Amino acid sequence: MKKFAKAFLGAALSVSLLAGCGGAADTAATTTDSSAPAKTEAPAAAATTTTDTTEEAPAAPEAGLKVGVSMPTKDLQRWNQDGANMEKELIAAGYEVDLQYAANDVQQQLSQVE
């Protein structure tokens, strides 16, 4: 009985995952509504848009703005890399950075965030 239940739940999960992968475009393409007005395609020339390639750079932060970063632990390489990368990017953006690690202690990390 347990094997059957596991197999049934596994199959149900697989079906739900596959059903969830279908996007809105899939359902819109297969659904027809006779009361909705027919869509007309725009000419190819009108479909292309020009974009301004001169984007404004983000404003530099005010002097002395400090950003705190609290990572859960130093024990895993991932958190060390993420912390170092965040610190590097924030410093490059002009912020002062306070990077702290909480040694997998939730209360310590909450204290750091506060």
N, C-alpha and C. Protein backbone atom coordinates (compact mmCIF):
# COMPACT_ATOMS: atom_id res chain seq x y z
N MET A 1 0.83 -1.19 0.00
CA MET A 1 0.00 0.00 0.00
C MET A 1 0.87 1.26 0.00
N LYS A 2 1.97 1.25 0.77
CA LYS A 2 2.85 2.41 0.83
C LYS A 2 3.52 2.66 -0.51
N LYS A 3 3.90 1.57 -1.20
CA LYS A 3 4.54 1.72 -2.50
C LYS A 3 3.58 2.36 -3.48
N PHE A 4 2.32 1.93 -3.44
CA PHE A 4 1.31 2.49 -4.33
C PHE A 4 1.11 3.98 -4.04
N ALA A 5 1.05 4.34 -2.77
CA ALA A 5 0.85 5.73 -2.39
C ALA A 5 2.03 6.59 -2.84
N LYS A 6 3.24 6.08 -2.68
CA LYS A 6 4.43 6.82 -3.12
C LYS A 6 4.43 6.99 -4.63
N ALA A 7 4.09 5.92 -5.34
CA ALA A 7 4.06 6.00 -6.80
C ALA A 7 2.99 6.98 -7.26
N PHE A 8 1.82 6.94 -6.62
CA PHE A 8 0.74 7.85 -6.99
C PHE A 8 1.13 9.30 -6.72
N LEU A 9 1.72 9.56 -5.55
CA LEU A 9 2.13 10.92 -5.23
C LEU A 9 3.24 11.41 -6.17
N GLY A 10 4.15 10.52 -6.51
CA GLY A 10 5.22 10.87 -7.45
C GLY A 10 4.67 11.22 -8.81
N ALA A 11 3.72 10.44 -9.28
CA ALA A 11 3.10 10.71 -10.58
C ALA A 11 2.32 12.02 -10.54
N ALA A 12 1.58 12.24 -9.45
CA ALA A 12 0.81 13.48 -9.33
C ALA A 12 1.73 14.69 -9.30
N LEU A 13 2.85 14.57 -8.61
CA LEU A 13 3.81 15.67 -8.55
C LEU A 13 4.40 15.94 -9.93
N SER A 14 4.73 14.89 -10.66
CA SER A 14 5.29 15.05 -12.00
C SER A 14 4.30 15.74 -12.93
N VAL A 15 3.05 15.32 -12.87
CA VAL A 15 2.02 15.92 -13.71
C VAL A 15 1.83 17.39 -13.35
N SER A 16 1.81 17.69 -12.06
CA SER A 16 1.60 19.09 -11.67
C SER A 16 2.79 19.96 -12.08
N LEU A 17 4.00 19.42 -12.02
CA LEU A 17 5.16 20.18 -12.46
C LEU A 17 5.10 20.45 -13.95
N LEU A 18 4.73 19.43 -14.71
CA LEU A 18 4.64 19.61 -16.16
C LEU A 18 3.52 20.58 -16.52
N ALA A 19 2.42 20.50 -15.82
CA ALA A 19 1.31 21.41 -16.09
C ALA A 19 1.70 22.83 -15.72
N GLY A 20 2.49 23.00 -14.68
CA GLY A 20 2.92 24.32 -14.25
C GLY A 20 3.91 24.96 -15.20
N CYS A 21 4.56 24.16 -16.03
CA CYS A 21 5.55 24.68 -16.98
C CYS A 21 4.89 25.38 -18.16
N GLY A 22 3.63 25.10 -18.43
CA GLY A 22 2.94 25.74 -19.54
C GLY A 22 2.69 27.20 -19.19
N GLY A 23 3.09 28.09 -20.07
CA GLY A 23 2.93 29.51 -19.79
C GLY A 23 1.60 30.03 -20.30
N ALA A 24 1.36 31.30 -20.09
CA ALA A 24 0.13 31.93 -20.53
C ALA A 24 0.04 31.96 -22.05
N ALA A 25 1.17 32.02 -22.73
CA ALA A 25 1.17 32.04 -24.19
C ALA A 25 0.59 30.74 -24.73
N ASP A 26 0.88 29.62 -24.06
CA ASP A 26 0.35 28.34 -24.50
C ASP A 26 -1.16 28.32 -24.42
N THR A 27 -1.73 28.80 -23.32
CA THR A 27 -3.17 28.76 -23.15
C THR A 27 -3.84 29.77 -24.05
N ALA A 28 -3.20 30.89 -24.31
CA ALA A 28 -3.80 31.90 -25.17
C ALA A 28 -3.85 31.41 -26.61
N ALA A 29 -2.86 30.62 -27.01
CA ALA A 29 -2.81 30.14 -28.37
C ALA A 29 -3.88 29.08 -28.62
N THR A 30 -4.23 28.31 -27.60
CA THR A 30 -5.18 27.23 -27.80
C THR A 30 -6.60 27.63 -27.47
N THR A 31 -6.81 28.74 -26.80
CA THR A 31 -8.14 29.17 -26.40
C THR A 31 -8.68 30.14 -27.44
N THR A 32 -9.91 29.91 -27.87
CA THR A 32 -10.53 30.84 -28.80
C THR A 32 -11.79 31.38 -28.16
N ASP A 33 -11.99 32.65 -28.31
CA ASP A 33 -13.16 33.31 -27.76
C ASP A 33 -13.81 34.06 -28.91
N SER A 34 -14.99 33.62 -29.32
CA SER A 34 -15.64 34.21 -30.49
C SER A 34 -16.09 35.64 -30.21
N SER A 35 -16.24 36.03 -28.94
CA SER A 35 -16.68 37.39 -28.64
C SER A 35 -15.53 38.38 -28.63
N ALA A 36 -14.30 37.88 -28.57
CA ALA A 36 -13.14 38.77 -28.55
C ALA A 36 -12.82 39.23 -29.96
N PRO A 37 -12.41 40.48 -30.12
CA PRO A 37 -12.05 40.96 -31.45
C PRO A 37 -10.81 40.25 -31.96
N ALA A 38 -10.75 40.07 -33.25
CA ALA A 38 -9.61 39.38 -33.86
C ALA A 38 -8.38 40.27 -33.76
N LYS A 39 -7.25 39.63 -33.48
CA LYS A 39 -6.00 40.37 -33.39
C LYS A 39 -5.42 40.52 -34.78
N THR A 40 -4.91 41.69 -35.07
CA THR A 40 -4.25 41.92 -36.35
C THR A 40 -2.79 42.17 -36.08
N GLU A 41 -1.96 41.68 -36.97
CA GLU A 41 -0.53 41.86 -36.80
C GLU A 41 -0.12 43.22 -37.30
N ALA A 42 0.79 43.83 -36.61
CA ALA A 42 1.32 45.13 -37.02
C ALA A 42 2.32 44.90 -38.14
N PRO A 43 2.47 45.86 -39.02
CA PRO A 43 3.48 45.72 -40.07
C PRO A 43 4.86 45.55 -39.45
N ALA A 44 5.73 44.88 -40.18
CA ALA A 44 7.06 44.57 -39.66
C ALA A 44 7.83 45.83 -39.30
N ALA A 45 7.68 46.87 -40.08
CA ALA A 45 8.41 48.11 -39.81
C ALA A 45 7.93 48.74 -38.50
N ALA A 46 6.65 48.62 -38.21
CA ALA A 46 6.12 49.21 -36.98
C ALA A 46 6.48 48.36 -35.77
N ALA A 47 6.76 47.08 -35.99
CA ALA A 47 7.08 46.19 -34.88
C ALA A 47 8.46 46.46 -34.31
N THR A 48 9.34 46.96 -35.14
CA THR A 48 10.69 47.25 -34.64
C THR A 48 10.68 48.61 -33.97
N THR A 49 11.30 48.67 -32.82
CA THR A 49 11.37 49.93 -32.10
C THR A 49 12.82 50.31 -31.92
N THR A 50 13.05 51.57 -31.86
CA THR A 50 14.41 52.04 -31.62
C THR A 50 14.54 52.37 -30.14
N THR A 51 15.68 52.05 -29.61
CA THR A 51 15.93 52.35 -28.20
C THR A 51 17.10 53.31 -28.12
N ASP A 52 17.03 54.15 -27.14
CA ASP A 52 18.09 55.11 -26.90
C ASP A 52 19.23 54.38 -26.20
N THR A 53 20.39 54.36 -26.82
CA THR A 53 21.52 53.62 -26.25
C THR A 53 22.26 54.41 -25.18
N THR A 54 21.89 55.64 -24.98
CA THR A 54 22.54 56.44 -23.95
C THR A 54 21.72 56.36 -22.67
N GLU A 55 22.03 55.37 -21.87
CA GLU A 55 21.33 55.19 -20.60
C GLU A 55 22.02 56.01 -19.53
N GLU A 56 21.22 56.53 -18.62
CA GLU A 56 21.79 57.30 -17.53
C GLU A 56 22.42 56.37 -16.51
N ALA A 57 23.59 56.72 -16.05
CA ALA A 57 24.25 55.95 -15.01
C ALA A 57 23.55 56.22 -13.69
N PRO A 58 23.49 55.23 -12.82
CA PRO A 58 22.87 55.48 -11.52
C PRO A 58 23.64 56.55 -10.76
N ALA A 59 22.90 57.34 -10.02
CA ALA A 59 23.52 58.42 -9.26
C ALA A 59 24.45 57.85 -8.21
N ALA A 60 25.54 58.53 -7.99
CA ALA A 60 26.49 58.11 -6.98
C ALA A 60 25.85 58.27 -5.60
N PRO A 61 26.12 57.36 -4.69
CA PRO A 61 25.53 57.47 -3.36
C PRO A 61 26.13 58.65 -2.61
N GLU A 62 25.36 59.16 -1.68
CA GLU A 62 25.86 60.24 -0.85
C GLU A 62 27.05 59.74 -0.04
N ALA A 63 27.96 60.62 0.25
CA ALA A 63 29.14 60.25 1.02
C ALA A 63 28.72 59.73 2.40
N GLY A 64 29.35 58.65 2.82
CA GLY A 64 29.10 58.12 4.15
C GLY A 64 27.94 57.14 4.24
N LEU A 65 27.28 56.80 3.12
CA LEU A 65 26.20 55.82 3.20
C LEU A 65 26.80 54.44 3.43
N LYS A 66 26.25 53.77 4.40
CA LYS A 66 26.78 52.47 4.80
C LYS A 66 25.74 51.39 4.52
N VAL A 67 26.19 50.27 3.96
CA VAL A 67 25.33 49.13 3.67
C VAL A 67 25.80 47.96 4.53
N GLY A 68 24.87 47.38 5.25
CA GLY A 68 25.18 46.21 6.05
C GLY A 68 24.80 44.94 5.32
N VAL A 69 25.71 43.97 5.34
CA VAL A 69 25.47 42.67 4.71
C VAL A 69 25.67 41.61 5.78
N SER A 70 24.64 40.81 6.00
CA SER A 70 24.72 39.75 7.00
C SER A 70 24.60 38.40 6.31
N MET A 71 25.66 37.61 6.38
CA MET A 71 25.67 36.27 5.80
C MET A 71 25.50 35.24 6.91
N PRO A 72 24.92 34.09 6.59
CA PRO A 72 24.62 33.12 7.65
C PRO A 72 25.85 32.46 8.26
N THR A 73 26.88 32.17 7.46
CA THR A 73 28.02 31.44 8.01
C THR A 73 29.26 31.65 7.15
N LYS A 74 30.41 31.44 7.76
CA LYS A 74 31.68 31.43 7.03
C LYS A 74 32.11 30.00 6.72
N ASP A 75 31.35 29.01 7.21
CA ASP A 75 31.73 27.61 7.06
C ASP A 75 31.62 27.10 5.63
N LEU A 76 30.75 27.70 4.83
CA LEU A 76 30.56 27.25 3.45
C LEU A 76 31.18 28.25 2.49
N GLN A 77 31.87 27.73 1.48
CA GLN A 77 32.55 28.57 0.50
C GLN A 77 31.58 29.50 -0.20
N ARG A 78 30.36 29.04 -0.44
CA ARG A 78 29.37 29.84 -1.15
C ARG A 78 29.14 31.18 -0.46
N TRP A 79 28.96 31.17 0.87
CA TRP A 79 28.67 32.41 1.59
C TRP A 79 29.88 33.32 1.63
N ASN A 80 31.08 32.74 1.68
CA ASN A 80 32.29 33.54 1.63
C ASN A 80 32.41 34.26 0.29
N GLN A 81 32.15 33.52 -0.80
CA GLN A 81 32.22 34.11 -2.13
C GLN A 81 31.14 35.17 -2.32
N ASP A 82 29.90 34.85 -1.91
CA ASP A 82 28.81 35.81 -2.07
C ASP A 82 29.09 37.09 -1.27
N GLY A 83 29.58 36.93 -0.04
CA GLY A 83 29.88 38.09 0.78
C GLY A 83 30.97 38.95 0.17
N ALA A 84 32.03 38.30 -0.30
CA ALA A 84 33.14 39.04 -0.90
C ALA A 84 32.69 39.75 -2.18
N ASN A 85 31.87 39.06 -3.00
CA ASN A 85 31.40 39.68 -4.24
C ASN A 85 30.48 40.87 -3.96
N MET A 86 29.58 40.71 -3.00
CA MET A 86 28.68 41.81 -2.66
C MET A 86 29.47 43.00 -2.13
N GLU A 87 30.43 42.71 -1.26
CA GLU A 87 31.24 43.78 -0.70
C GLU A 87 32.01 44.52 -1.80
N LYS A 88 32.60 43.76 -2.72
CA LYS A 88 33.36 44.37 -3.82
C LYS A 88 32.47 45.26 -4.68
N GLU A 89 31.28 44.76 -5.05
CA GLU A 89 30.37 45.54 -5.90
C GLU A 89 29.85 46.79 -5.19
N LEU A 90 29.54 46.66 -3.91
CA LEU A 90 29.03 47.82 -3.17
C LEU A 90 30.11 48.88 -2.99
N ILE A 91 31.34 48.44 -2.73
CA ILE A 91 32.45 49.40 -2.61
C ILE A 91 32.68 50.09 -3.95
N ALA A 92 32.60 49.32 -5.04
CA ALA A 92 32.78 49.91 -6.38
C ALA A 92 31.68 50.92 -6.69
N ALA A 93 30.50 50.72 -6.11
CA ALA A 93 29.39 51.65 -6.31
C ALA A 93 29.49 52.87 -5.39
N GLY A 94 30.47 52.86 -4.48
CA GLY A 94 30.69 54.03 -3.64
C GLY A 94 30.12 53.93 -2.24
N TYR A 95 29.73 52.76 -1.81
CA TYR A 95 29.17 52.59 -0.47
C TYR A 95 30.23 52.10 0.50
N GLU A 96 30.03 52.41 1.76
CA GLU A 96 30.82 51.82 2.84
C GLU A 96 30.10 50.53 3.21
N VAL A 97 30.84 49.44 3.41
CA VAL A 97 30.21 48.13 3.62
C VAL A 97 30.57 47.57 4.99
N ASP A 98 29.56 47.05 5.67
CA ASP A 98 29.75 46.34 6.94
C ASP A 98 29.29 44.90 6.71
N LEU A 99 30.25 44.00 6.42
CA LEU A 99 29.96 42.59 6.14
C LEU A 99 30.16 41.79 7.40
N GLN A 100 29.12 41.06 7.82
CA GLN A 100 29.19 40.25 9.03
C GLN A 100 28.67 38.84 8.75
N TYR A 101 29.20 37.88 9.48
CA TYR A 101 28.77 36.48 9.39
C TYR A 101 28.19 36.07 10.73
N ALA A 102 27.12 35.27 10.69
CA ALA A 102 26.38 34.95 11.92
C ALA A 102 26.66 33.56 12.48
N ALA A 103 27.57 32.80 11.91
CA ALA A 103 27.92 31.47 12.43
C ALA A 103 26.70 30.57 12.60
N ASN A 104 25.79 30.62 11.62
CA ASN A 104 24.56 29.80 11.62
C ASN A 104 23.69 30.03 12.86
N ASP A 105 23.76 31.19 13.44
CA ASP A 105 22.95 31.53 14.61
C ASP A 105 21.91 32.56 14.17
N VAL A 106 20.64 32.12 14.13
CA VAL A 106 19.56 32.99 13.64
C VAL A 106 19.44 34.25 14.48
N GLN A 107 19.51 34.13 15.80
CA GLN A 107 19.38 35.31 16.66
C GLN A 107 20.52 36.29 16.43
N GLN A 108 21.71 35.77 16.22
CA GLN A 108 22.86 36.64 15.95
C GLN A 108 22.67 37.37 14.63
N GLN A 109 22.17 36.66 13.62
CA GLN A 109 21.96 37.30 12.32
C GLN A 109 20.86 38.36 12.42
N LEU A 110 19.78 38.08 13.15
CA LEU A 110 18.75 39.08 13.34
C LEU A 110 19.30 40.31 14.05
N SER A 111 20.16 40.09 15.02
CA SER A 111 20.78 41.19 15.75
C SER A 111 21.65 42.01 14.79
N GLN A 112 22.37 41.34 13.91
CA GLN A 112 23.21 42.05 12.96
C GLN A 112 22.37 42.91 12.01
N VAL A 113 21.25 42.36 11.57
CA VAL A 113 20.37 43.09 10.65
C VAL A 113 19.77 44.31 11.33
N GLU A 114 19.37 44.14 12.60
CA GLU A 114 18.80 45.27 13.34
C GLU A 114 19.84 46.33 13.54
